[in-house]
Amino acid sequence: MAYLVLGLVLFLGTHSLPMFPDADSHLKARLGEGAFKGIFSLVSVVGLVFIVIGYGDARFAGPALLYEPPVWLAHLVMLLMLPVFILVLSTYLPGRIKAGAKHPTILAVKIWAFAHLLANGDAASVLLFGSFLAWAVADRISLKRRGMPGGVAPGEGALRNDVAAIAGGLVIYGLFVWQLHSWLIGVPILPA
């Protein structure tokens, strides 16, 4: 579990820098924009690799079960996951969805983490998804305090972007339900 903790510290730590604007701007000024982005990206990737290795190791070792989710929660989790990919895509396809969600990727992370907490009661999962949920809540509060409410008015092409985000999100969701989750994560969503 040490790799998982280290990965979370590295990944979420770098992604928490914007919550501290003075430190963030100081590092950018000292390192330069390009070097800052390079180091940020490198530390994020290393953190993500440690998260994957640590979570995989913890699942393989069979970490302690903190709670046993009821079987019916699987249906709720599938329902909660429906908007996640749509929200992520709407970040890059600005329209009414992005305007309404204000910060769609952060909202997607909150829904994703909460849904996975409902479905997984082992210690590694609670640590992983609980950390991401806490980070997303803190980041959203930080954005509000920094005067970055998000939710700009939809511009030209908003309807086209919303349709593309919905269609693309549903396709990705379908692929995850079908086999992608099993291939990438090693856990099938639907019983064989």
N, C-alpha and C. Protein backbone atom coordinates (compact mmCIF):
# COMPACT_ATOMS: atom_id res chain seq x y z
N MET A 1 0.82 -1.20 0.00
CA MET A 1 0.00 0.00 0.00
C MET A 1 0.86 1.26 0.00
N ALA A 2 2.15 1.09 0.26
CA ALA A 2 3.05 2.25 0.29
C ALA A 2 3.12 2.93 -1.07
N TYR A 3 3.17 2.12 -2.15
CA TYR A 3 3.20 2.70 -3.49
C TYR A 3 1.93 3.49 -3.79
N LEU A 4 0.80 2.98 -3.34
CA LEU A 4 -0.47 3.67 -3.55
C LEU A 4 -0.46 5.02 -2.85
N VAL A 5 -0.02 5.04 -1.60
CA VAL A 5 0.04 6.29 -0.84
C VAL A 5 1.01 7.27 -1.50
N LEU A 6 2.20 6.79 -1.88
CA LEU A 6 3.17 7.65 -2.55
C LEU A 6 2.61 8.21 -3.85
N GLY A 7 1.95 7.36 -4.63
CA GLY A 7 1.35 7.80 -5.88
C GLY A 7 0.28 8.86 -5.66
N LEU A 8 -0.56 8.66 -4.66
CA LEU A 8 -1.60 9.66 -4.36
C LEU A 8 -0.99 10.98 -3.93
N VAL A 9 0.06 10.92 -3.12
CA VAL A 9 0.72 12.16 -2.68
C VAL A 9 1.31 12.90 -3.87
N LEU A 10 1.99 12.17 -4.77
CA LEU A 10 2.60 12.81 -5.93
C LEU A 10 1.54 13.35 -6.90
N PHE A 11 0.57 12.50 -7.25
CA PHE A 11 -0.42 12.90 -8.26
C PHE A 11 -1.34 14.00 -7.74
N LEU A 12 -1.96 13.75 -6.59
CA LEU A 12 -2.89 14.75 -6.06
C LEU A 12 -2.15 15.98 -5.52
N GLY A 13 -0.91 15.76 -5.07
CA GLY A 13 -0.10 16.91 -4.61
C GLY A 13 0.16 17.89 -5.73
N THR A 14 0.59 17.38 -6.89
CA THR A 14 0.84 18.29 -8.01
C THR A 14 -0.45 18.94 -8.47
N HIS A 15 -1.54 18.19 -8.47
CA HIS A 15 -2.81 18.75 -8.92
C HIS A 15 -3.44 19.68 -7.86
N SER A 16 -2.85 19.72 -6.69
CA SER A 16 -3.33 20.64 -5.64
C SER A 16 -2.60 21.98 -5.67
N LEU A 17 -1.50 22.05 -6.41
CA LEU A 17 -0.73 23.31 -6.47
C LEU A 17 -1.58 24.53 -6.82
N PRO A 18 -2.48 24.45 -7.81
CA PRO A 18 -3.29 25.62 -8.13
C PRO A 18 -4.16 26.11 -6.97
N MET A 19 -4.40 25.26 -5.98
CA MET A 19 -5.18 25.68 -4.81
C MET A 19 -4.40 26.70 -3.97
N PHE A 20 -3.09 26.76 -4.23
CA PHE A 20 -2.21 27.69 -3.50
C PHE A 20 -1.58 28.63 -4.54
N PRO A 21 -2.33 29.65 -4.97
CA PRO A 21 -1.89 30.49 -6.09
C PRO A 21 -0.52 31.14 -5.89
N ASP A 22 -0.19 31.54 -4.66
CA ASP A 22 1.11 32.18 -4.44
C ASP A 22 2.25 31.20 -4.70
N ALA A 23 2.15 30.01 -4.16
CA ALA A 23 3.18 28.99 -4.37
C ALA A 23 3.24 28.58 -5.84
N ASP A 24 2.08 28.46 -6.45
CA ASP A 24 2.00 28.07 -7.85
C ASP A 24 2.68 29.10 -8.75
N SER A 25 2.35 30.36 -8.57
CA SER A 25 2.95 31.41 -9.41
C SER A 25 4.43 31.59 -9.10
N HIS A 26 4.83 31.39 -7.83
CA HIS A 26 6.24 31.48 -7.47
C HIS A 26 7.06 30.40 -8.18
N LEU A 27 6.55 29.16 -8.18
CA LEU A 27 7.24 28.06 -8.86
C LEU A 27 7.30 28.30 -10.37
N LYS A 28 6.22 28.79 -10.96
CA LYS A 28 6.21 29.08 -12.39
C LYS A 28 7.23 30.16 -12.74
N ALA A 29 7.30 31.19 -11.89
CA ALA A 29 8.25 32.29 -12.14
C ALA A 29 9.69 31.81 -11.97
N ARG A 30 9.91 30.99 -10.98
CA ARG A 30 11.27 30.53 -10.70
C ARG A 30 11.78 29.52 -11.74
N LEU A 31 10.90 28.60 -12.14
CA LEU A 31 11.30 27.55 -13.07
C LEU A 31 11.10 27.93 -14.53
N GLY A 32 10.20 28.84 -14.78
CA GLY A 32 9.79 29.14 -16.15
C GLY A 32 8.59 28.28 -16.49
N GLU A 33 7.73 28.79 -17.36
CA GLU A 33 6.47 28.10 -17.69
C GLU A 33 6.72 26.71 -18.27
N GLY A 34 7.65 26.59 -19.20
CA GLY A 34 7.92 25.31 -19.85
C GLY A 34 8.46 24.26 -18.88
N ALA A 35 9.45 24.65 -18.08
CA ALA A 35 10.04 23.72 -17.11
C ALA A 35 9.01 23.32 -16.06
N PHE A 36 8.20 24.28 -15.63
CA PHE A 36 7.15 23.99 -14.64
C PHE A 36 6.19 22.94 -15.18
N LYS A 37 5.72 23.15 -16.43
CA LYS A 37 4.78 22.19 -17.02
C LYS A 37 5.43 20.82 -17.21
N GLY A 38 6.70 20.80 -17.58
CA GLY A 38 7.41 19.54 -17.75
C GLY A 38 7.54 18.78 -16.45
N ILE A 39 7.95 19.47 -15.39
CA ILE A 39 8.09 18.83 -14.07
C ILE A 39 6.72 18.40 -13.55
N PHE A 40 5.72 19.27 -13.71
CA PHE A 40 4.35 18.95 -13.28
C PHE A 40 3.89 17.66 -13.96
N SER A 41 4.09 17.59 -15.28
CA SER A 41 3.67 16.41 -16.04
C SER A 41 4.43 15.16 -15.61
N LEU A 42 5.73 15.29 -15.44
CA LEU A 42 6.56 14.14 -15.06
C LEU A 42 6.15 13.61 -13.68
N VAL A 43 5.99 14.49 -12.71
CA VAL A 43 5.60 14.07 -11.36
C VAL A 43 4.20 13.46 -11.39
N SER A 44 3.30 14.03 -12.19
CA SER A 44 1.95 13.49 -12.31
C SER A 44 1.97 12.08 -12.88
N VAL A 45 2.75 11.87 -13.94
CA VAL A 45 2.83 10.55 -14.56
C VAL A 45 3.44 9.54 -13.60
N VAL A 46 4.52 9.93 -12.91
CA VAL A 46 5.14 9.03 -11.93
C VAL A 46 4.14 8.69 -10.83
N GLY A 47 3.40 9.70 -10.36
CA GLY A 47 2.37 9.46 -9.35
C GLY A 47 1.31 8.51 -9.83
N LEU A 48 0.87 8.69 -11.08
CA LEU A 48 -0.14 7.81 -11.65
C LEU A 48 0.37 6.38 -11.76
N VAL A 49 1.62 6.21 -12.16
CA VAL A 49 2.21 4.87 -12.26
C VAL A 49 2.25 4.22 -10.87
N PHE A 50 2.65 4.97 -9.86
CA PHE A 50 2.67 4.43 -8.49
C PHE A 50 1.26 4.07 -8.01
N ILE A 51 0.27 4.88 -8.38
CA ILE A 51 -1.11 4.58 -8.01
C ILE A 51 -1.54 3.25 -8.62
N VAL A 52 -1.27 3.10 -9.91
CA VAL A 52 -1.66 1.86 -10.60
C VAL A 52 -0.96 0.65 -9.99
N ILE A 53 0.35 0.76 -9.78
CA ILE A 53 1.12 -0.35 -9.20
C ILE A 53 0.64 -0.64 -7.77
N GLY A 54 0.52 0.40 -6.97
CA GLY A 54 0.12 0.24 -5.57
C GLY A 54 -1.28 -0.32 -5.41
N TYR A 55 -2.22 0.17 -6.22
CA TYR A 55 -3.59 -0.32 -6.14
C TYR A 55 -3.66 -1.77 -6.62
N GLY A 56 -2.93 -2.07 -7.69
CA GLY A 56 -2.89 -3.44 -8.19
C GLY A 56 -2.30 -4.40 -7.18
N ASP A 57 -1.19 -4.00 -6.56
CA ASP A 57 -0.57 -4.83 -5.53
C ASP A 57 -1.50 -5.06 -4.35
N ALA A 58 -2.18 -3.99 -3.93
CA ALA A 58 -3.09 -4.09 -2.78
C ALA A 58 -4.27 -5.00 -3.10
N ARG A 59 -4.80 -4.90 -4.31
CA ARG A 59 -5.91 -5.78 -4.71
C ARG A 59 -5.46 -7.23 -4.78
N PHE A 60 -4.25 -7.45 -5.30
CA PHE A 60 -3.71 -8.80 -5.41
C PHE A 60 -3.48 -9.41 -4.02
N ALA A 61 -3.01 -8.59 -3.08
CA ALA A 61 -2.73 -9.07 -1.73
C ALA A 61 -4.00 -9.29 -0.92
N GLY A 62 -5.12 -8.74 -1.39
CA GLY A 62 -6.37 -8.91 -0.66
C GLY A 62 -6.42 -8.05 0.59
N PRO A 63 -6.48 -6.73 0.43
CA PRO A 63 -6.48 -5.84 1.60
C PRO A 63 -7.73 -6.03 2.46
N ALA A 64 -7.65 -5.52 3.63
CA ALA A 64 -8.74 -5.66 4.61
C ALA A 64 -10.03 -5.07 4.06
N LEU A 65 -11.11 -5.78 4.30
CA LEU A 65 -12.43 -5.31 3.89
C LEU A 65 -13.00 -4.44 5.01
N LEU A 66 -13.29 -3.19 4.68
CA LEU A 66 -13.84 -2.26 5.67
C LEU A 66 -15.36 -2.34 5.73
N TYR A 67 -15.98 -2.59 4.58
CA TYR A 67 -17.43 -2.78 4.52
C TYR A 67 -17.75 -3.61 3.29
N GLU A 68 -18.86 -4.30 3.35
CA GLU A 68 -19.33 -5.15 2.24
C GLU A 68 -20.49 -4.44 1.55
N PRO A 69 -20.26 -3.91 0.35
CA PRO A 69 -21.34 -3.21 -0.34
C PRO A 69 -22.46 -4.19 -0.73
N PRO A 70 -23.71 -3.79 -0.54
CA PRO A 70 -24.80 -4.67 -0.97
C PRO A 70 -24.80 -4.82 -2.49
N VAL A 71 -25.26 -5.94 -2.97
CA VAL A 71 -25.25 -6.26 -4.40
C VAL A 71 -26.02 -5.23 -5.22
N TRP A 72 -27.15 -4.75 -4.69
CA TRP A 72 -27.98 -3.82 -5.45
C TRP A 72 -27.28 -2.49 -5.74
N LEU A 73 -26.23 -2.17 -4.98
CA LEU A 73 -25.51 -0.91 -5.24
C LEU A 73 -24.82 -0.91 -6.60
N ALA A 74 -24.55 -2.07 -7.14
CA ALA A 74 -23.91 -2.14 -8.46
C ALA A 74 -24.77 -1.44 -9.51
N HIS A 75 -26.08 -1.55 -9.39
CA HIS A 75 -26.98 -0.89 -10.34
C HIS A 75 -26.93 0.63 -10.17
N LEU A 76 -26.88 1.08 -8.93
CA LEU A 76 -26.78 2.52 -8.67
C LEU A 76 -25.45 3.06 -9.19
N VAL A 77 -24.38 2.31 -9.00
CA VAL A 77 -23.06 2.73 -9.48
C VAL A 77 -23.08 2.89 -11.00
N MET A 78 -23.68 1.93 -11.69
CA MET A 78 -23.75 2.03 -13.16
C MET A 78 -24.53 3.27 -13.58
N LEU A 79 -25.59 3.58 -12.87
CA LEU A 79 -26.37 4.78 -13.16
C LEU A 79 -25.56 6.05 -12.89
N LEU A 80 -24.86 6.07 -11.76
CA LEU A 80 -24.04 7.24 -11.42
C LEU A 80 -22.91 7.47 -12.42
N MET A 81 -22.38 6.40 -12.98
CA MET A 81 -21.27 6.52 -13.91
C MET A 81 -21.71 7.04 -15.29
N LEU A 82 -22.98 6.98 -15.60
CA LEU A 82 -23.45 7.43 -16.91
C LEU A 82 -22.98 8.84 -17.29
N PRO A 83 -23.12 9.84 -16.42
CA PRO A 83 -22.72 11.19 -16.83
C PRO A 83 -21.21 11.45 -16.78
N VAL A 84 -20.43 10.57 -16.20
CA VAL A 84 -19.01 10.86 -15.98
C VAL A 84 -18.26 11.15 -17.27
N PHE A 85 -18.39 10.26 -18.25
CA PHE A 85 -17.65 10.46 -19.51
C PHE A 85 -18.21 11.65 -20.29
N ILE A 86 -19.51 11.87 -20.20
CA ILE A 86 -20.12 13.04 -20.85
C ILE A 86 -19.54 14.31 -20.26
N LEU A 87 -19.43 14.37 -18.94
CA LEU A 87 -18.87 15.55 -18.29
C LEU A 87 -17.42 15.78 -18.68
N VAL A 88 -16.63 14.72 -18.71
CA VAL A 88 -15.22 14.88 -19.08
C VAL A 88 -15.12 15.41 -20.51
N LEU A 89 -15.88 14.84 -21.43
CA LEU A 89 -15.83 15.32 -22.81
C LEU A 89 -16.33 16.75 -22.93
N SER A 90 -17.32 17.12 -22.13
CA SER A 90 -17.86 18.49 -22.21
C SER A 90 -16.84 19.54 -21.78
N THR A 91 -15.82 19.13 -21.05
CA THR A 91 -14.74 20.05 -20.70
C THR A 91 -14.05 20.55 -21.97
N TYR A 92 -13.93 19.68 -22.95
CA TYR A 92 -13.22 19.99 -24.19
C TYR A 92 -14.16 20.34 -25.33
N LEU A 93 -15.47 20.17 -25.09
CA LEU A 93 -16.49 20.52 -26.07
C LEU A 93 -17.47 21.48 -25.39
N PRO A 94 -17.07 22.73 -25.23
CA PRO A 94 -17.89 23.67 -24.44
C PRO A 94 -19.28 23.91 -25.04
N GLY A 95 -20.25 23.79 -24.16
CA GLY A 95 -21.64 24.03 -24.52
C GLY A 95 -22.45 24.25 -23.26
N ARG A 96 -23.72 23.91 -23.32
CA ARG A 96 -24.59 24.11 -22.15
C ARG A 96 -24.23 23.17 -21.00
N ILE A 97 -23.74 21.98 -21.34
CA ILE A 97 -23.36 21.03 -20.28
C ILE A 97 -22.21 21.62 -19.47
N LYS A 98 -21.19 22.12 -20.16
CA LYS A 98 -20.05 22.71 -19.46
C LYS A 98 -20.48 23.94 -18.67
N ALA A 99 -21.33 24.75 -19.26
CA ALA A 99 -21.80 25.96 -18.57
C ALA A 99 -22.58 25.60 -17.31
N GLY A 100 -23.42 24.58 -17.40
CA GLY A 100 -24.21 24.17 -16.24
C GLY A 100 -23.40 23.51 -15.16
N ALA A 101 -22.44 22.69 -15.58
CA ALA A 101 -21.61 21.96 -14.60
C ALA A 101 -20.54 22.85 -13.99
N LYS A 102 -20.21 23.95 -14.64
CA LYS A 102 -19.19 24.91 -14.23
C LYS A 102 -17.78 24.35 -14.34
N HIS A 103 -17.48 23.29 -13.66
CA HIS A 103 -16.18 22.62 -13.72
C HIS A 103 -16.45 21.13 -13.93
N PRO A 104 -16.77 20.76 -15.18
CA PRO A 104 -17.25 19.40 -15.43
C PRO A 104 -16.28 18.28 -15.08
N THR A 105 -14.99 18.49 -15.27
CA THR A 105 -14.05 17.41 -14.93
C THR A 105 -14.02 17.17 -13.43
N ILE A 106 -14.04 18.22 -12.65
CA ILE A 106 -14.05 18.06 -11.19
C ILE A 106 -15.34 17.38 -10.75
N LEU A 107 -16.46 17.76 -11.36
CA LEU A 107 -17.73 17.10 -11.04
C LEU A 107 -17.67 15.62 -11.43
N ALA A 108 -17.06 15.32 -12.58
CA ALA A 108 -16.92 13.93 -13.02
C ALA A 108 -16.07 13.13 -12.03
N VAL A 109 -14.99 13.72 -11.54
CA VAL A 109 -14.13 13.03 -10.57
C VAL A 109 -14.91 12.76 -9.28
N LYS A 110 -15.71 13.74 -8.84
CA LYS A 110 -16.51 13.53 -7.62
C LYS A 110 -17.51 12.39 -7.79
N ILE A 111 -18.20 12.37 -8.91
CA ILE A 111 -19.18 11.31 -9.15
C ILE A 111 -18.47 9.96 -9.28
N TRP A 112 -17.38 9.92 -10.06
CA TRP A 112 -16.61 8.68 -10.25
C TRP A 112 -16.12 8.13 -8.91
N ALA A 113 -15.52 8.99 -8.09
CA ALA A 113 -14.97 8.55 -6.81
C ALA A 113 -16.08 8.08 -5.87
N PHE A 114 -17.16 8.85 -5.78
CA PHE A 114 -18.27 8.49 -4.90
C PHE A 114 -18.88 7.15 -5.32
N ALA A 115 -19.11 6.99 -6.63
CA ALA A 115 -19.69 5.74 -7.14
C ALA A 115 -18.80 4.55 -6.80
N HIS A 116 -17.50 4.73 -6.97
CA HIS A 116 -16.59 3.63 -6.69
C HIS A 116 -16.45 3.34 -5.19
N LEU A 117 -16.67 4.35 -4.36
CA LEU A 117 -16.71 4.10 -2.91
C LEU A 117 -17.94 3.26 -2.54
N LEU A 118 -19.03 3.48 -3.27
CA LEU A 118 -20.23 2.67 -3.02
C LEU A 118 -20.01 1.21 -3.39
N ALA A 119 -19.19 0.97 -4.41
CA ALA A 119 -19.03 -0.38 -4.94
C ALA A 119 -17.87 -1.16 -4.34
N ASN A 120 -16.95 -0.46 -3.67
CA ASN A 120 -15.73 -1.11 -3.19
C ASN A 120 -15.50 -0.78 -1.72
N GLY A 121 -15.45 -1.81 -0.90
CA GLY A 121 -15.29 -1.59 0.53
C GLY A 121 -13.94 -1.99 1.08
N ASP A 122 -12.98 -2.34 0.21
CA ASP A 122 -11.66 -2.71 0.73
C ASP A 122 -10.84 -1.46 1.04
N ALA A 123 -9.84 -1.62 1.88
CA ALA A 123 -9.05 -0.48 2.36
C ALA A 123 -8.37 0.28 1.23
N ALA A 124 -7.81 -0.43 0.25
CA ALA A 124 -7.11 0.24 -0.85
C ALA A 124 -8.08 1.08 -1.67
N SER A 125 -9.26 0.56 -1.92
CA SER A 125 -10.27 1.31 -2.69
C SER A 125 -10.76 2.53 -1.93
N VAL A 126 -10.99 2.36 -0.64
CA VAL A 126 -11.43 3.49 0.17
C VAL A 126 -10.36 4.58 0.18
N LEU A 127 -9.11 4.17 0.29
CA LEU A 127 -8.01 5.14 0.25
C LEU A 127 -7.95 5.83 -1.10
N LEU A 128 -7.98 5.06 -2.18
CA LEU A 128 -7.87 5.61 -3.52
C LEU A 128 -9.04 6.54 -3.85
N PHE A 129 -10.24 6.01 -3.79
CA PHE A 129 -11.41 6.79 -4.21
C PHE A 129 -11.76 7.88 -3.20
N GLY A 130 -11.53 7.62 -1.91
CA GLY A 130 -11.75 8.65 -0.90
C GLY A 130 -10.80 9.82 -1.07
N SER A 131 -9.55 9.54 -1.44
CA SER A 131 -8.57 10.61 -1.66
C SER A 131 -8.97 11.47 -2.86
N PHE A 132 -9.39 10.82 -3.94
CA PHE A 132 -9.81 11.58 -5.12
C PHE A 132 -11.06 12.40 -4.83
N LEU A 133 -12.00 11.84 -4.07
CA LEU A 133 -13.21 12.58 -3.72
C LEU A 133 -12.87 13.79 -2.85
N ALA A 134 -12.02 13.59 -1.85
CA ALA A 134 -11.63 14.71 -0.98
C ALA A 134 -10.90 15.78 -1.78
N TRP A 135 -10.00 15.36 -2.69
CA TRP A 135 -9.28 16.33 -3.52
C TRP A 135 -10.25 17.13 -4.39
N ALA A 136 -11.21 16.45 -5.02
CA ALA A 136 -12.14 17.13 -5.92
C ALA A 136 -13.01 18.13 -5.16
N VAL A 137 -13.46 17.76 -3.97
CA VAL A 137 -14.25 18.68 -3.15
C VAL A 137 -13.40 19.89 -2.76
N ALA A 138 -12.16 19.64 -2.31
CA ALA A 138 -11.27 20.75 -1.92
C ALA A 138 -10.95 21.64 -3.11
N ASP A 139 -10.73 21.04 -4.27
CA ASP A 139 -10.41 21.83 -5.46
C ASP A 139 -11.59 22.70 -5.88
N ARG A 140 -12.79 22.17 -5.81
CA ARG A 140 -13.99 22.95 -6.18
C ARG A 140 -14.18 24.12 -5.22
N ILE A 141 -13.97 23.89 -3.92
CA ILE A 141 -14.07 24.97 -2.94
C ILE A 141 -13.00 26.01 -3.22
N SER A 142 -11.80 25.55 -3.54
CA SER A 142 -10.69 26.46 -3.84
C SER A 142 -11.00 27.31 -5.06
N LEU A 143 -11.57 26.71 -6.09
CA LEU A 143 -11.92 27.48 -7.29
C LEU A 143 -12.92 28.58 -6.97
N LYS A 144 -13.89 28.27 -6.13
CA LYS A 144 -14.87 29.28 -5.73
C LYS A 144 -14.20 30.42 -4.97
N ARG A 145 -13.32 30.07 -4.04
CA ARG A 145 -12.63 31.09 -3.23
C ARG A 145 -11.70 31.95 -4.05
N ARG A 146 -11.13 31.36 -5.11
CA ARG A 146 -10.23 32.12 -5.98
C ARG A 146 -10.99 32.93 -7.02
N GLY A 147 -12.31 32.91 -6.94
CA GLY A 147 -13.11 33.68 -7.88
C GLY A 147 -13.16 33.08 -9.27
N MET A 148 -13.09 31.76 -9.34
CA MET A 148 -13.14 31.07 -10.62
C MET A 148 -14.40 30.19 -10.65
N PRO A 149 -15.56 30.84 -10.73
CA PRO A 149 -16.80 30.08 -10.63
C PRO A 149 -17.08 29.16 -11.81
N GLY A 150 -16.45 29.41 -12.96
CA GLY A 150 -16.68 28.57 -14.14
C GLY A 150 -18.04 28.85 -14.72
N GLY A 151 -18.49 27.97 -15.59
CA GLY A 151 -19.83 28.09 -16.14
C GLY A 151 -20.00 29.26 -17.09
N VAL A 152 -19.05 29.47 -17.99
CA VAL A 152 -19.19 30.56 -18.96
C VAL A 152 -20.37 30.28 -19.87
N ALA A 153 -20.96 31.34 -20.40
CA ALA A 153 -22.11 31.19 -21.28
C ALA A 153 -21.72 30.41 -22.52
N PRO A 154 -22.57 29.49 -22.94
CA PRO A 154 -22.26 28.70 -24.12
C PRO A 154 -22.18 29.58 -25.36
N GLY A 155 -21.21 29.31 -26.19
CA GLY A 155 -21.01 30.11 -27.39
C GLY A 155 -21.54 29.40 -28.62
N GLU A 156 -21.03 29.83 -29.76
CA GLU A 156 -21.43 29.25 -31.03
C GLU A 156 -21.02 27.77 -31.06
N GLY A 157 -21.88 26.95 -31.57
CA GLY A 157 -21.59 25.52 -31.64
C GLY A 157 -21.92 24.78 -30.36
N ALA A 158 -22.61 25.43 -29.41
CA ALA A 158 -22.89 24.81 -28.12
C ALA A 158 -23.72 23.54 -28.27
N LEU A 159 -24.76 23.60 -29.10
CA LEU A 159 -25.62 22.43 -29.28
C LEU A 159 -24.83 21.28 -29.91
N ARG A 160 -24.04 21.59 -30.93
CA ARG A 160 -23.23 20.56 -31.59
C ARG A 160 -22.25 19.94 -30.59
N ASN A 161 -21.62 20.77 -29.76
CA ASN A 161 -20.68 20.27 -28.76
C ASN A 161 -21.37 19.41 -27.71
N ASP A 162 -22.56 19.83 -27.28
CA ASP A 162 -23.30 19.03 -26.30
C ASP A 162 -23.69 17.67 -26.88
N VAL A 163 -24.16 17.67 -28.12
CA VAL A 163 -24.53 16.40 -28.76
C VAL A 163 -23.30 15.51 -28.88
N ALA A 164 -22.17 16.09 -29.27
CA ALA A 164 -20.93 15.32 -29.41
C ALA A 164 -20.47 14.77 -28.05
N ALA A 165 -20.58 15.59 -27.00
CA ALA A 165 -20.18 15.15 -25.66
C ALA A 165 -21.08 14.01 -25.18
N ILE A 166 -22.39 14.14 -25.42
CA ILE A 166 -23.32 13.09 -25.00
C ILE A 166 -23.09 11.81 -25.78
N ALA A 167 -23.00 11.94 -27.11
CA ALA A 167 -22.80 10.75 -27.95
C ALA A 167 -21.46 10.07 -27.63
N GLY A 168 -20.41 10.86 -27.57
CA GLY A 168 -19.08 10.31 -27.26
C GLY A 168 -19.03 9.70 -25.87
N GLY A 169 -19.64 10.39 -24.91
CA GLY A 169 -19.66 9.89 -23.53
C GLY A 169 -20.40 8.57 -23.41
N LEU A 170 -21.53 8.47 -24.13
CA LEU A 170 -22.30 7.22 -24.09
C LEU A 170 -21.56 6.08 -24.76
N VAL A 171 -20.85 6.38 -25.85
CA VAL A 171 -20.05 5.35 -26.52
C VAL A 171 -18.94 4.85 -25.58
N ILE A 172 -18.22 5.78 -24.96
CA ILE A 172 -17.14 5.38 -24.04
C ILE A 172 -17.72 4.60 -22.85
N TYR A 173 -18.84 5.07 -22.32
CA TYR A 173 -19.50 4.35 -21.23
C TYR A 173 -19.84 2.93 -21.66
N GLY A 174 -20.42 2.80 -22.84
CA GLY A 174 -20.78 1.48 -23.35
C GLY A 174 -19.56 0.57 -23.51
N LEU A 175 -18.46 1.14 -23.99
CA LEU A 175 -17.23 0.36 -24.14
C LEU A 175 -16.71 -0.10 -22.78
N PHE A 176 -16.79 0.78 -21.78
CA PHE A 176 -16.35 0.40 -20.43
C PHE A 176 -17.22 -0.71 -19.86
N VAL A 177 -18.53 -0.59 -20.03
CA VAL A 177 -19.43 -1.63 -19.52
C VAL A 177 -19.19 -2.94 -20.26
N TRP A 178 -18.99 -2.86 -21.57
CA TRP A 178 -18.83 -4.05 -22.40
C TRP A 178 -17.55 -4.81 -22.02
N GLN A 179 -16.38 -4.20 -22.16
CA GLN A 179 -15.12 -4.90 -21.90
C GLN A 179 -13.98 -4.02 -21.42
N LEU A 180 -14.02 -2.73 -21.71
CA LEU A 180 -12.86 -1.87 -21.46
C LEU A 180 -12.47 -1.83 -19.98
N HIS A 181 -13.45 -1.79 -19.09
CA HIS A 181 -13.15 -1.78 -17.66
C HIS A 181 -12.40 -3.06 -17.27
N SER A 182 -12.84 -4.16 -17.81
CA SER A 182 -12.20 -5.44 -17.53
C SER A 182 -10.77 -5.47 -18.07
N TRP A 183 -10.57 -4.99 -19.29
CA TRP A 183 -9.24 -4.99 -19.91
C TRP A 183 -8.28 -4.04 -19.19
N LEU A 184 -8.76 -2.84 -18.85
CA LEU A 184 -7.89 -1.84 -18.24
C LEU A 184 -7.69 -2.03 -16.74
N ILE A 185 -8.77 -2.38 -16.05
CA ILE A 185 -8.74 -2.44 -14.58
C ILE A 185 -8.67 -3.86 -14.07
N GLY A 186 -9.10 -4.80 -14.87
CA GLY A 186 -9.08 -6.20 -14.44
C GLY A 186 -10.32 -6.64 -13.71
N VAL A 187 -11.33 -5.78 -13.71
CA VAL A 187 -12.59 -6.09 -13.02
C VAL A 187 -13.73 -5.95 -14.01
N PRO A 188 -14.43 -7.04 -14.33
CA PRO A 188 -15.56 -6.91 -15.26
C PRO A 188 -16.74 -6.21 -14.59
N ILE A 189 -17.44 -5.42 -15.36
CA ILE A 189 -18.63 -4.73 -14.82
C ILE A 189 -19.83 -5.66 -14.87
N LEU A 190 -19.99 -6.34 -16.00
CA LEU A 190 -21.11 -7.28 -16.14
C LEU A 190 -20.63 -8.70 -15.87
N PRO A 191 -21.46 -9.50 -15.22
CA PRO A 191 -21.06 -10.89 -14.99
C PRO A 191 -20.91 -11.64 -16.31
N ALA A 192 -19.99 -12.57 -16.34
CA ALA A 192 -19.73 -13.33 -17.57
C ALA A 192 -20.85 -14.29 -17.88
